[in-house]
Amino acid sequence: MKIVIIDDDKLVCMSLKTILQADPNITVAAVGTSGEEAVSLYRTHRPDILLMDIQMKGIGGLAAGEQILWEFPDARILFLTTFSDNEYIIKALGMGAKGYLIKQDIDALIPAMRAVLSGQNVFGNEIVTRIPALMNQKAAFCPEKFRLSPREGEIMELVAKGMNNKEIADTLFLSEGTVRNYLSALLDKLSLRDRTQLAVFYYRNQG
């Protein structure tokens, strides 16, 4: 797994490099300290994952991420930041970032990177459960747009609100087995891997 690290704190960069390179399956191809360097280093190294801070001098991590994804739509960008600001989370979701982690959760970093490499999104539970309140200004999700039934749309909405299968079953007066069947069908129809991806898909496609 080839990684590029971007953080305007050089000590953080070196610490992350040391942590990641302790894993024999990870190679840190380059380290940078600005959004401008992120764009340049991505073009040069085409890493499997770009691990990037958000608040930096210059264009910053979010703007750099947007530029990279415009040039390389398949880029896997994982934000690692001390900031869990609502605005940042919304922008990261909207641009198509693969994950958003808080630096305090450093123990989760390598497992999260493996998950991103396998095609998953890694927005932590705390962040996912905050998304409904953050997105309440957007228009409703339209299930018909994706050839889904109204019931499938209801189940997606409840998953996105953080409900488990039992809570969804109780809310919609269904059995848990029926809810599991709906979820399995939804994931298959939309080519998604898990509930987190389903929630992210729901909120990205509102409006």
N, C-alpha and C. Protein backbone atom coordinates (compact mmCIF):
# COMPACT_ATOMS: atom_id res chain seq x y z
N MET A 1 0.85 -1.19 0.00
CA MET A 1 0.00 0.00 0.00
C MET A 1 0.90 1.25 0.00
N LYS A 2 0.79 2.03 -1.04
CA LYS A 2 1.62 3.24 -1.17
C LYS A 2 0.85 4.47 -0.68
N ILE A 3 1.48 5.22 0.22
CA ILE A 3 0.81 6.33 0.88
C ILE A 3 1.59 7.62 0.66
N VAL A 4 0.85 8.73 0.51
CA VAL A 4 1.43 10.07 0.60
C VAL A 4 0.79 10.76 1.80
N ILE A 5 1.62 11.37 2.64
CA ILE A 5 1.14 12.05 3.85
C ILE A 5 1.27 13.56 3.66
N ILE A 6 0.21 14.30 3.98
CA ILE A 6 0.23 15.76 3.90
C ILE A 6 -0.27 16.34 5.21
N ASP A 7 0.60 17.11 5.87
CA ASP A 7 0.23 17.80 7.11
C ASP A 7 1.19 18.96 7.29
N ASP A 8 0.67 20.13 7.66
CA ASP A 8 1.55 21.29 7.75
C ASP A 8 2.44 21.28 9.00
N ASP A 9 2.22 20.33 9.88
CA ASP A 9 3.08 20.15 11.04
C ASP A 9 4.10 19.04 10.70
N LYS A 10 5.35 19.43 10.53
CA LYS A 10 6.37 18.46 10.10
C LYS A 10 6.56 17.34 11.11
N LEU A 11 6.38 17.67 12.40
CA LEU A 11 6.51 16.65 13.43
C LEU A 11 5.41 15.60 13.29
N VAL A 12 4.20 16.05 12.99
CA VAL A 12 3.09 15.12 12.77
C VAL A 12 3.40 14.23 11.56
N CYS A 13 3.91 14.84 10.49
CA CYS A 13 4.25 14.06 9.29
C CYS A 13 5.24 12.96 9.62
N MET A 14 6.29 13.31 10.35
CA MET A 14 7.32 12.33 10.67
C MET A 14 6.78 11.24 11.60
N SER A 15 5.92 11.65 12.55
CA SER A 15 5.33 10.67 13.46
C SER A 15 4.44 9.69 12.71
N LEU A 16 3.61 10.23 11.80
CA LEU A 16 2.74 9.37 11.00
C LEU A 16 3.56 8.43 10.11
N LYS A 17 4.63 8.97 9.54
CA LYS A 17 5.49 8.14 8.69
C LYS A 17 6.08 6.98 9.49
N THR A 18 6.55 7.28 10.70
CA THR A 18 7.13 6.24 11.56
C THR A 18 6.09 5.17 11.91
N ILE A 19 4.89 5.62 12.27
CA ILE A 19 3.81 4.69 12.64
C ILE A 19 3.44 3.79 11.46
N LEU A 20 3.28 4.40 10.30
CA LEU A 20 2.81 3.65 9.14
C LEU A 20 3.87 2.69 8.61
N GLN A 21 5.12 3.12 8.59
CA GLN A 21 6.18 2.29 8.04
C GLN A 21 6.56 1.14 8.97
N ALA A 22 6.03 1.13 10.17
CA ALA A 22 6.21 -0.03 11.05
C ALA A 22 5.44 -1.23 10.51
N ASP A 23 4.46 -0.96 9.64
CA ASP A 23 3.71 -2.03 8.99
C ASP A 23 4.44 -2.38 7.69
N PRO A 24 4.87 -3.63 7.53
CA PRO A 24 5.64 -4.00 6.34
C PRO A 24 4.87 -3.89 5.03
N ASN A 25 3.55 -3.78 5.12
CA ASN A 25 2.74 -3.68 3.90
C ASN A 25 2.47 -2.24 3.47
N ILE A 26 3.05 -1.29 4.20
CA ILE A 26 2.82 0.13 3.89
C ILE A 26 4.14 0.80 3.51
N THR A 27 4.10 1.54 2.42
CA THR A 27 5.24 2.35 1.99
C THR A 27 4.82 3.80 1.93
N VAL A 28 5.54 4.67 2.62
CA VAL A 28 5.27 6.10 2.52
C VAL A 28 6.12 6.65 1.38
N ALA A 29 5.45 6.97 0.27
CA ALA A 29 6.17 7.41 -0.93
C ALA A 29 6.67 8.83 -0.82
N ALA A 30 5.93 9.68 -0.10
CA ALA A 30 6.31 11.09 0.01
C ALA A 30 5.56 11.74 1.15
N VAL A 31 6.11 12.86 1.62
CA VAL A 31 5.52 13.66 2.68
C VAL A 31 5.49 15.11 2.22
N GLY A 32 4.38 15.80 2.47
CA GLY A 32 4.27 17.21 2.12
C GLY A 32 3.61 18.00 3.22
N THR A 33 3.68 19.33 3.11
CA THR A 33 3.17 20.17 4.19
C THR A 33 2.14 21.21 3.74
N SER A 34 1.60 21.07 2.53
CA SER A 34 0.61 22.04 2.06
C SER A 34 -0.32 21.41 1.03
N GLY A 35 -1.44 22.08 0.78
CA GLY A 35 -2.37 21.61 -0.24
C GLY A 35 -1.74 21.59 -1.61
N GLU A 36 -0.92 22.60 -1.89
CA GLU A 36 -0.24 22.65 -3.19
C GLU A 36 0.66 21.44 -3.38
N GLU A 37 1.39 21.09 -2.31
CA GLU A 37 2.25 19.90 -2.39
C GLU A 37 1.42 18.64 -2.54
N ALA A 38 0.26 18.61 -1.92
CA ALA A 38 -0.62 17.44 -2.04
C ALA A 38 -0.95 17.17 -3.50
N VAL A 39 -1.32 18.22 -4.22
CA VAL A 39 -1.68 18.07 -5.64
C VAL A 39 -0.46 17.59 -6.44
N SER A 40 0.67 18.25 -6.22
CA SER A 40 1.90 17.91 -6.96
C SER A 40 2.36 16.48 -6.66
N LEU A 41 2.35 16.12 -5.37
CA LEU A 41 2.83 14.79 -4.99
C LEU A 41 1.87 13.70 -5.43
N TYR A 42 0.59 14.01 -5.46
CA TYR A 42 -0.35 13.01 -5.97
C TYR A 42 -0.09 12.74 -7.45
N ARG A 43 0.10 13.79 -8.21
CA ARG A 43 0.37 13.61 -9.64
C ARG A 43 1.63 12.77 -9.86
N THR A 44 2.62 13.00 -9.03
CA THR A 44 3.91 12.31 -9.20
C THR A 44 3.85 10.85 -8.78
N HIS A 45 3.23 10.59 -7.64
CA HIS A 45 3.32 9.25 -7.05
C HIS A 45 2.08 8.38 -7.24
N ARG A 46 0.92 8.99 -7.54
CA ARG A 46 -0.33 8.25 -7.67
C ARG A 46 -0.48 7.22 -6.54
N PRO A 47 -0.52 7.67 -5.30
CA PRO A 47 -0.56 6.73 -4.17
C PRO A 47 -1.88 5.97 -4.11
N ASP A 48 -1.86 4.85 -3.39
CA ASP A 48 -3.11 4.12 -3.14
C ASP A 48 -4.03 4.94 -2.25
N ILE A 49 -3.43 5.66 -1.29
CA ILE A 49 -4.21 6.52 -0.39
C ILE A 49 -3.44 7.80 -0.15
N LEU A 50 -4.14 8.92 -0.21
CA LEU A 50 -3.59 10.21 0.20
C LEU A 50 -4.13 10.53 1.58
N LEU A 51 -3.24 10.58 2.56
CA LEU A 51 -3.62 10.87 3.95
C LEU A 51 -3.34 12.35 4.19
N MET A 52 -4.39 13.14 4.46
CA MET A 52 -4.22 14.59 4.42
C MET A 52 -4.96 15.32 5.54
N ASP A 53 -4.30 16.34 6.08
CA ASP A 53 -4.92 17.24 7.04
C ASP A 53 -5.84 18.20 6.29
N ILE A 54 -6.66 18.93 7.02
CA ILE A 54 -7.60 19.87 6.39
C ILE A 54 -7.10 21.31 6.48
N GLN A 55 -6.85 21.79 7.69
CA GLN A 55 -6.44 23.19 7.85
C GLN A 55 -4.94 23.34 7.65
N MET A 56 -4.59 23.94 6.52
CA MET A 56 -3.18 24.18 6.20
C MET A 56 -3.07 25.52 5.49
N LYS A 57 -1.87 26.07 5.48
CA LYS A 57 -1.65 27.30 4.75
C LYS A 57 -1.83 27.05 3.26
N GLY A 58 -2.13 28.14 2.53
CA GLY A 58 -2.35 27.98 1.10
C GLY A 58 -3.76 27.53 0.81
N ILE A 59 -3.91 26.59 -0.12
CA ILE A 59 -5.26 26.22 -0.56
C ILE A 59 -5.96 25.28 0.42
N GLY A 60 -5.23 24.67 1.35
CA GLY A 60 -5.84 23.81 2.36
C GLY A 60 -6.21 22.44 1.82
N GLY A 61 -6.52 21.53 2.75
CA GLY A 61 -6.77 20.15 2.38
C GLY A 61 -8.03 19.92 1.58
N LEU A 62 -9.11 20.62 1.91
CA LEU A 62 -10.37 20.41 1.19
C LEU A 62 -10.28 20.87 -0.26
N ALA A 63 -9.70 22.04 -0.47
CA ALA A 63 -9.55 22.54 -1.83
C ALA A 63 -8.59 21.66 -2.63
N ALA A 64 -7.53 21.21 -1.98
CA ALA A 64 -6.59 20.31 -2.65
C ALA A 64 -7.27 19.00 -3.03
N GLY A 65 -8.09 18.49 -2.09
CA GLY A 65 -8.82 17.26 -2.38
C GLY A 65 -9.76 17.40 -3.56
N GLU A 66 -10.45 18.52 -3.64
CA GLU A 66 -11.36 18.76 -4.77
C GLU A 66 -10.60 18.78 -6.09
N GLN A 67 -9.45 19.43 -6.09
CA GLN A 67 -8.65 19.51 -7.32
C GLN A 67 -8.14 18.13 -7.73
N ILE A 68 -7.66 17.37 -6.76
CA ILE A 68 -7.15 16.02 -7.06
C ILE A 68 -8.27 15.14 -7.60
N LEU A 69 -9.45 15.18 -6.97
CA LEU A 69 -10.56 14.34 -7.41
C LEU A 69 -11.10 14.79 -8.77
N TRP A 70 -10.95 16.06 -9.09
CA TRP A 70 -11.34 16.52 -10.42
C TRP A 70 -10.42 15.91 -11.48
N GLU A 71 -9.12 15.86 -11.17
CA GLU A 71 -8.15 15.29 -12.11
C GLU A 71 -8.14 13.77 -12.08
N PHE A 72 -8.33 13.20 -10.87
CA PHE A 72 -8.24 11.75 -10.68
C PHE A 72 -9.46 11.28 -9.89
N PRO A 73 -10.58 11.04 -10.58
CA PRO A 73 -11.83 10.72 -9.88
C PRO A 73 -11.75 9.48 -8.99
N ASP A 74 -10.81 8.59 -9.26
CA ASP A 74 -10.69 7.37 -8.45
C ASP A 74 -9.75 7.53 -7.26
N ALA A 75 -9.26 8.75 -7.03
CA ALA A 75 -8.33 8.98 -5.92
C ALA A 75 -8.99 8.62 -4.59
N ARG A 76 -8.21 7.98 -3.73
CA ARG A 76 -8.69 7.65 -2.38
C ARG A 76 -8.08 8.66 -1.41
N ILE A 77 -8.90 9.56 -0.91
CA ILE A 77 -8.43 10.59 0.01
C ILE A 77 -9.01 10.31 1.40
N LEU A 78 -8.12 10.22 2.37
CA LEU A 78 -8.52 10.00 3.75
C LEU A 78 -8.07 11.21 4.56
N PHE A 79 -9.03 11.97 5.07
CA PHE A 79 -8.69 13.14 5.88
C PHE A 79 -8.41 12.71 7.32
N LEU A 80 -7.31 13.23 7.86
CA LEU A 80 -6.92 12.99 9.25
C LEU A 80 -6.69 14.35 9.88
N THR A 81 -7.57 14.75 10.78
CA THR A 81 -7.55 16.13 11.26
C THR A 81 -7.94 16.21 12.73
N THR A 82 -7.62 17.32 13.35
CA THR A 82 -8.08 17.56 14.72
C THR A 82 -9.45 18.23 14.72
N PHE A 83 -9.96 18.60 13.54
CA PHE A 83 -11.19 19.36 13.44
C PHE A 83 -12.36 18.49 13.01
N SER A 84 -13.42 18.48 13.82
CA SER A 84 -14.64 17.77 13.43
C SER A 84 -15.75 18.78 13.14
N ASP A 85 -15.37 19.93 12.58
CA ASP A 85 -16.34 20.98 12.26
C ASP A 85 -17.37 20.45 11.26
N ASN A 86 -18.62 20.81 11.49
CA ASN A 86 -19.69 20.35 10.61
C ASN A 86 -19.44 20.71 9.15
N GLU A 87 -18.99 21.92 8.90
CA GLU A 87 -18.76 22.36 7.53
C GLU A 87 -17.73 21.49 6.83
N TYR A 88 -16.67 21.14 7.55
CA TYR A 88 -15.62 20.31 6.97
C TYR A 88 -16.16 18.92 6.63
N ILE A 89 -16.96 18.36 7.53
CA ILE A 89 -17.50 17.03 7.31
C ILE A 89 -18.39 17.01 6.06
N ILE A 90 -19.25 18.02 5.94
CA ILE A 90 -20.14 18.12 4.79
C ILE A 90 -19.34 18.22 3.49
N LYS A 91 -18.32 19.05 3.48
CA LYS A 91 -17.51 19.20 2.27
C LYS A 91 -16.77 17.92 1.92
N ALA A 92 -16.25 17.25 2.93
CA ALA A 92 -15.54 15.99 2.69
C ALA A 92 -16.49 14.95 2.09
N LEU A 93 -17.69 14.86 2.65
CA LEU A 93 -18.70 13.94 2.11
C LEU A 93 -19.05 14.29 0.67
N GLY A 94 -19.29 15.58 0.45
CA GLY A 94 -19.74 16.02 -0.85
C GLY A 94 -18.73 15.82 -1.95
N MET A 95 -17.46 15.99 -1.65
CA MET A 95 -16.43 15.88 -2.69
C MET A 95 -16.13 14.43 -3.06
N GLY A 96 -16.48 13.50 -2.16
CA GLY A 96 -16.19 12.10 -2.45
C GLY A 96 -14.97 11.55 -1.73
N ALA A 97 -14.57 12.18 -0.62
CA ALA A 97 -13.47 11.64 0.18
C ALA A 97 -13.86 10.26 0.71
N LYS A 98 -12.86 9.40 0.86
CA LYS A 98 -13.12 8.03 1.30
C LYS A 98 -13.21 7.90 2.82
N GLY A 99 -12.78 8.93 3.54
CA GLY A 99 -12.84 8.82 4.99
C GLY A 99 -12.52 10.13 5.67
N TYR A 100 -12.89 10.19 6.95
CA TYR A 100 -12.68 11.38 7.77
C TYR A 100 -12.42 10.89 9.18
N LEU A 101 -11.19 11.00 9.63
CA LEU A 101 -10.80 10.53 10.96
C LEU A 101 -10.27 11.68 11.80
N ILE A 102 -10.45 11.56 13.09
CA ILE A 102 -9.91 12.53 14.03
C ILE A 102 -8.56 12.03 14.54
N LYS A 103 -7.59 12.93 14.67
CA LYS A 103 -6.23 12.52 15.03
C LYS A 103 -6.15 11.81 16.37
N GLN A 104 -7.09 12.10 17.25
CA GLN A 104 -7.09 11.43 18.55
C GLN A 104 -7.33 9.92 18.39
N ASP A 105 -7.91 9.52 17.26
CA ASP A 105 -8.21 8.10 17.03
C ASP A 105 -7.10 7.44 16.22
N ILE A 106 -5.86 7.74 16.55
CA ILE A 106 -4.73 7.29 15.74
C ILE A 106 -4.65 5.77 15.68
N ASP A 107 -5.13 5.07 16.72
CA ASP A 107 -5.09 3.61 16.72
C ASP A 107 -5.94 3.01 15.61
N ALA A 108 -6.92 3.78 15.15
CA ALA A 108 -7.82 3.28 14.10
C ALA A 108 -7.27 3.56 12.71
N LEU A 109 -6.13 4.22 12.61
CA LEU A 109 -5.66 4.70 11.31
C LEU A 109 -5.34 3.56 10.34
N ILE A 110 -4.50 2.63 10.74
CA ILE A 110 -4.10 1.57 9.80
C ILE A 110 -5.29 0.69 9.42
N PRO A 111 -6.14 0.25 10.38
CA PRO A 111 -7.35 -0.49 9.96
C PRO A 111 -8.23 0.33 9.01
N ALA A 112 -8.33 1.63 9.25
CA ALA A 112 -9.14 2.48 8.37
C ALA A 112 -8.56 2.53 6.98
N MET A 113 -7.23 2.60 6.88
CA MET A 113 -6.59 2.64 5.57
C MET A 113 -6.80 1.34 4.81
N ARG A 114 -6.73 0.23 5.53
CA ARG A 114 -7.00 -1.06 4.88
C ARG A 114 -8.44 -1.11 4.37
N ALA A 115 -9.36 -0.57 5.16
CA ALA A 115 -10.77 -0.55 4.75
C ALA A 115 -10.96 0.31 3.50
N VAL A 116 -10.31 1.47 3.47
CA VAL A 116 -10.39 2.35 2.30
C VAL A 116 -9.84 1.65 1.07
N LEU A 117 -8.72 0.97 1.23
CA LEU A 117 -8.09 0.27 0.10
C LEU A 117 -9.02 -0.81 -0.44
N SER A 118 -9.82 -1.41 0.44
CA SER A 118 -10.74 -2.48 0.00
C SER A 118 -12.04 -1.93 -0.58
N GLY A 119 -12.18 -0.60 -0.59
CA GLY A 119 -13.36 0.00 -1.21
C GLY A 119 -14.39 0.56 -0.25
N GLN A 120 -14.09 0.52 1.04
CA GLN A 120 -15.05 1.03 2.02
C GLN A 120 -14.82 2.51 2.32
N ASN A 121 -15.86 3.14 2.87
CA ASN A 121 -15.74 4.49 3.41
C ASN A 121 -15.55 4.38 4.92
N VAL A 122 -14.76 5.26 5.50
CA VAL A 122 -14.47 5.15 6.93
C VAL A 122 -14.76 6.46 7.67
N PHE A 123 -16.01 6.85 7.62
CA PHE A 123 -16.49 7.93 8.47
C PHE A 123 -16.91 7.29 9.78
N GLY A 124 -16.33 7.72 10.88
CA GLY A 124 -16.61 7.11 12.18
C GLY A 124 -18.07 7.23 12.56
N ASN A 125 -18.48 6.37 13.49
CA ASN A 125 -19.89 6.35 13.91
C ASN A 125 -20.37 7.70 14.42
N GLU A 126 -19.49 8.37 15.18
CA GLU A 126 -19.87 9.68 15.72
C GLU A 126 -20.20 10.65 14.61
N ILE A 127 -19.41 10.62 13.53
CA ILE A 127 -19.62 11.54 12.42
C ILE A 127 -20.85 11.15 11.62
N VAL A 128 -21.02 9.85 11.35
CA VAL A 128 -22.17 9.40 10.57
C VAL A 128 -23.48 9.78 11.27
N THR A 129 -23.53 9.62 12.59
CA THR A 129 -24.77 9.93 13.30
C THR A 129 -25.05 11.43 13.36
N ARG A 130 -24.03 12.24 13.09
CA ARG A 130 -24.25 13.70 13.06
C ARG A 130 -24.72 14.19 11.71
N ILE A 131 -24.58 13.37 10.68
CA ILE A 131 -24.86 13.83 9.32
C ILE A 131 -26.31 14.28 9.13
N PRO A 132 -27.32 13.57 9.67
CA PRO A 132 -28.70 14.02 9.42
C PRO A 132 -28.93 15.48 9.78
N ALA A 133 -28.44 15.90 10.94
CA ALA A 133 -28.63 17.30 11.35
C ALA A 133 -27.87 18.25 10.43
N LEU A 134 -26.74 17.79 9.91
CA LEU A 134 -25.92 18.66 9.06
C LEU A 134 -26.54 18.85 7.68
N MET A 135 -27.30 17.85 7.25
CA MET A 135 -27.81 17.88 5.88
C MET A 135 -29.26 18.31 5.79
N ASN A 136 -29.83 18.85 6.88
CA ASN A 136 -31.28 19.08 6.91
C ASN A 136 -31.75 20.19 5.98
N GLN A 137 -30.82 20.94 5.41
CA GLN A 137 -31.21 21.98 4.47
C GLN A 137 -31.35 21.46 3.05
N LYS A 138 -30.93 20.22 2.81
CA LYS A 138 -30.96 19.69 1.45
C LYS A 138 -32.32 19.07 1.15
N ALA A 139 -32.62 18.97 -0.15
CA ALA A 139 -33.87 18.35 -0.55
C ALA A 139 -33.84 16.86 -0.25
N ALA A 140 -35.03 16.27 -0.20
CA ALA A 140 -35.14 14.86 0.19
C ALA A 140 -34.51 13.94 -0.84
N PHE A 141 -34.08 12.78 -0.35
CA PHE A 141 -33.57 11.73 -1.22
C PHE A 141 -34.72 11.18 -2.05
N CYS A 142 -34.47 10.93 -3.33
CA CYS A 142 -35.52 10.43 -4.22
C CYS A 142 -35.19 8.99 -4.61
N PRO A 143 -35.85 8.00 -3.99
CA PRO A 143 -35.51 6.61 -4.30
C PRO A 143 -35.77 6.23 -5.75
N GLU A 144 -36.81 6.83 -6.36
CA GLU A 144 -37.15 6.48 -7.75
C GLU A 144 -36.00 6.78 -8.71
N LYS A 145 -35.20 7.77 -8.36
CA LYS A 145 -34.06 8.14 -9.20
C LYS A 145 -33.09 6.98 -9.36
N PHE A 146 -33.07 6.10 -8.37
CA PHE A 146 -32.14 4.97 -8.38
C PHE A 146 -32.88 3.64 -8.52
N ARG A 147 -34.14 3.73 -9.02
CA ARG A 147 -34.98 2.55 -9.24
C ARG A 147 -35.19 1.75 -7.95
N LEU A 148 -35.39 2.49 -6.88
CA LEU A 148 -35.69 1.88 -5.59
C LEU A 148 -37.15 2.12 -5.24
N SER A 149 -37.70 1.24 -4.44
CA SER A 149 -39.10 1.40 -4.01
C SER A 149 -39.17 2.42 -2.87
N PRO A 150 -40.35 2.98 -2.62
CA PRO A 150 -40.51 3.89 -1.48
C PRO A 150 -40.10 3.23 -0.16
N ARG A 151 -40.41 1.94 0.01
CA ARG A 151 -40.03 1.23 1.24
C ARG A 151 -38.51 1.16 1.37
N GLU A 152 -37.82 0.89 0.26
CA GLU A 152 -36.35 0.85 0.29
C GLU A 152 -35.80 2.23 0.66
N GLY A 153 -36.46 3.28 0.15
CA GLY A 153 -36.05 4.63 0.51
C GLY A 153 -36.22 4.91 1.99
N GLU A 154 -37.33 4.42 2.57
CA GLU A 154 -37.57 4.58 4.01
C GLU A 154 -36.47 3.89 4.82
N ILE A 155 -36.13 2.69 4.42
CA ILE A 155 -35.12 1.93 5.16
C ILE A 155 -33.76 2.61 5.04
N MET A 156 -33.42 3.12 3.86
CA MET A 156 -32.17 3.86 3.71
C MET A 156 -32.12 5.05 4.64
N GLU A 157 -33.24 5.78 4.73
CA GLU A 157 -33.28 6.96 5.59
C GLU A 157 -33.04 6.59 7.04
N LEU A 158 -33.63 5.50 7.50
CA LEU A 158 -33.48 5.10 8.89
C LEU A 158 -32.07 4.58 9.17
N VAL A 159 -31.48 3.90 8.21
CA VAL A 159 -30.07 3.49 8.34
C VAL A 159 -29.19 4.74 8.47
N ALA A 160 -29.48 5.73 7.63
CA ALA A 160 -28.69 6.96 7.64
C ALA A 160 -28.83 7.72 8.95
N LYS A 161 -29.95 7.52 9.64
CA LYS A 161 -30.15 8.16 10.95
C LYS A 161 -29.48 7.38 12.08
N GLY A 162 -28.85 6.27 11.73
CA GLY A 162 -28.10 5.51 12.72
C GLY A 162 -28.88 4.41 13.42
N MET A 163 -30.07 4.07 12.91
CA MET A 163 -30.86 3.02 13.55
C MET A 163 -30.30 1.64 13.23
N ASN A 164 -30.41 0.71 14.20
CA ASN A 164 -30.05 -0.67 13.94
C ASN A 164 -31.26 -1.42 13.37
N ASN A 165 -31.07 -2.70 13.03
CA ASN A 165 -32.15 -3.46 12.37
C ASN A 165 -33.41 -3.55 13.23
N LYS A 166 -33.22 -3.76 14.54
CA LYS A 166 -34.39 -3.88 15.42
C LYS A 166 -35.17 -2.57 15.47
N GLU A 167 -34.45 -1.46 15.57
CA GLU A 167 -35.12 -0.15 15.62
C GLU A 167 -35.87 0.12 14.31
N ILE A 168 -35.24 -0.24 13.19
CA ILE A 168 -35.91 -0.06 11.89
C ILE A 168 -37.15 -0.93 11.81
N ALA A 169 -37.02 -2.18 12.25
CA ALA A 169 -38.16 -3.11 12.24
C ALA A 169 -39.32 -2.57 13.08
N ASP A 170 -39.01 -2.07 14.27
CA ASP A 170 -40.05 -1.54 15.16
C ASP A 170 -40.71 -0.31 14.55
N THR A 171 -39.91 0.55 13.92
CA THR A 171 -40.44 1.78 13.34
C THR A 171 -41.37 1.51 12.16
N LEU A 172 -41.00 0.52 11.33
CA LEU A 172 -41.77 0.25 10.10
C LEU A 172 -42.71 -0.94 10.24
N PHE A 173 -42.79 -1.50 11.47
CA PHE A 173 -43.66 -2.65 11.73
C PHE A 173 -43.33 -3.83 10.81
N LEU A 174 -42.05 -4.12 10.74
CA LEU A 174 -41.55 -5.25 9.96
C LEU A 174 -40.79 -6.19 10.89
N SER A 175 -40.50 -7.39 10.41
CA SER A 175 -39.64 -8.29 11.17
C SER A 175 -38.18 -7.92 10.90
N GLU A 176 -37.30 -8.30 11.83
CA GLU A 176 -35.88 -8.02 11.62
C GLU A 176 -35.36 -8.77 10.39
N GLY A 177 -35.89 -9.96 10.14
CA GLY A 177 -35.47 -10.71 8.97
C GLY A 177 -35.81 -9.98 7.68
N THR A 178 -36.99 -9.36 7.65
CA THR A 178 -37.40 -8.60 6.47
C THR A 178 -36.48 -7.39 6.27
N VAL A 179 -36.14 -6.74 7.37
CA VAL A 179 -35.22 -5.59 7.28
C VAL A 179 -33.87 -6.04 6.74
N ARG A 180 -33.37 -7.18 7.24
CA ARG A 180 -32.08 -7.69 6.75
C ARG A 180 -32.15 -7.98 5.25
N ASN A 181 -33.27 -8.53 4.80
CA ASN A 181 -33.43 -8.82 3.37
C ASN A 181 -33.43 -7.54 2.54
N TYR A 182 -34.14 -6.53 3.04
CA TYR A 182 -34.15 -5.25 2.34
C TYR A 182 -32.73 -4.67 2.24
N LEU A 183 -32.01 -4.71 3.36
CA LEU A 183 -30.66 -4.15 3.39
C LEU A 183 -29.74 -4.88 2.43
N SER A 184 -29.83 -6.20 2.41
CA SER A 184 -29.01 -6.99 1.50
C SER A 184 -29.31 -6.62 0.05
N ALA A 185 -30.61 -6.46 -0.27
CA ALA A 185 -31.00 -6.09 -1.63
C ALA A 185 -30.51 -4.69 -1.99
N LEU A 186 -30.61 -3.76 -1.03
CA LEU A 186 -30.16 -2.40 -1.28
C LEU A 186 -28.66 -2.36 -1.57
N LEU A 187 -27.89 -3.03 -0.75
CA LEU A 187 -26.43 -3.04 -0.94
C LEU A 187 -26.08 -3.64 -2.29
N ASP A 188 -26.81 -4.68 -2.68
CA ASP A 188 -26.55 -5.32 -3.96
C ASP A 188 -26.92 -4.40 -5.12
N LYS A 189 -28.10 -3.77 -5.05
CA LYS A 189 -28.55 -2.89 -6.13
C LYS A 189 -27.61 -1.71 -6.35
N LEU A 190 -27.10 -1.16 -5.24
CA LEU A 190 -26.29 0.05 -5.31
C LEU A 190 -24.79 -0.24 -5.32
N SER A 191 -24.43 -1.52 -5.32
CA SER A 191 -23.02 -1.94 -5.32
C SER A 191 -22.25 -1.33 -4.15
N LEU A 192 -22.86 -1.40 -2.96
CA LEU A 192 -22.25 -0.88 -1.75
C LEU A 192 -21.89 -2.05 -0.84
N ARG A 193 -20.97 -1.78 0.11
CA ARG A 193 -20.45 -2.86 0.95
C ARG A 193 -21.13 -2.97 2.31
N ASP A 194 -21.52 -1.83 2.89
CA ASP A 194 -21.97 -1.88 4.27
C ASP A 194 -22.91 -0.73 4.58
N ARG A 195 -23.39 -0.68 5.83
CA ARG A 195 -24.37 0.32 6.25
C ARG A 195 -23.79 1.73 6.18
N THR A 196 -22.50 1.86 6.50
CA THR A 196 -21.88 3.19 6.45
C THR A 196 -21.90 3.73 5.03
N GLN A 197 -21.53 2.89 4.08
CA GLN A 197 -21.58 3.34 2.68
C GLN A 197 -23.00 3.69 2.26
N LEU A 198 -23.98 2.92 2.77
CA LEU A 198 -25.38 3.19 2.44
C LEU A 198 -25.80 4.55 2.97
N ALA A 199 -25.40 4.87 4.21
CA ALA A 199 -25.73 6.17 4.80
C ALA A 199 -25.08 7.31 4.04
N VAL A 200 -23.80 7.14 3.69
CA VAL A 200 -23.09 8.17 2.93
C VAL A 200 -23.74 8.37 1.57
N PHE A 201 -24.10 7.27 0.90
CA PHE A 201 -24.78 7.34 -0.40
C PHE A 201 -26.08 8.14 -0.28
N TYR A 202 -26.84 7.85 0.77
CA TYR A 202 -28.12 8.53 0.98
C TYR A 202 -27.94 10.03 1.06
N TYR A 203 -26.98 10.48 1.87
CA TYR A 203 -26.83 11.92 2.07
C TYR A 203 -26.16 12.61 0.88
N ARG A 204 -25.28 11.89 0.21
CA ARG A 204 -24.65 12.50 -0.98
C ARG A 204 -25.65 12.73 -2.09
N ASN A 205 -26.71 11.93 -2.12
CA ASN A 205 -27.65 11.99 -3.24
C ASN A 205 -28.97 12.64 -2.88
N GLN A 206 -28.96 13.47 -1.86
CA GLN A 206 -30.13 14.29 -1.59
C GLN A 206 -30.12 15.50 -2.51
N GLY A 207 -31.29 15.97 -2.83
CA GLY A 207 -31.39 17.18 -3.62
C GLY A 207 -31.35 16.93 -5.11
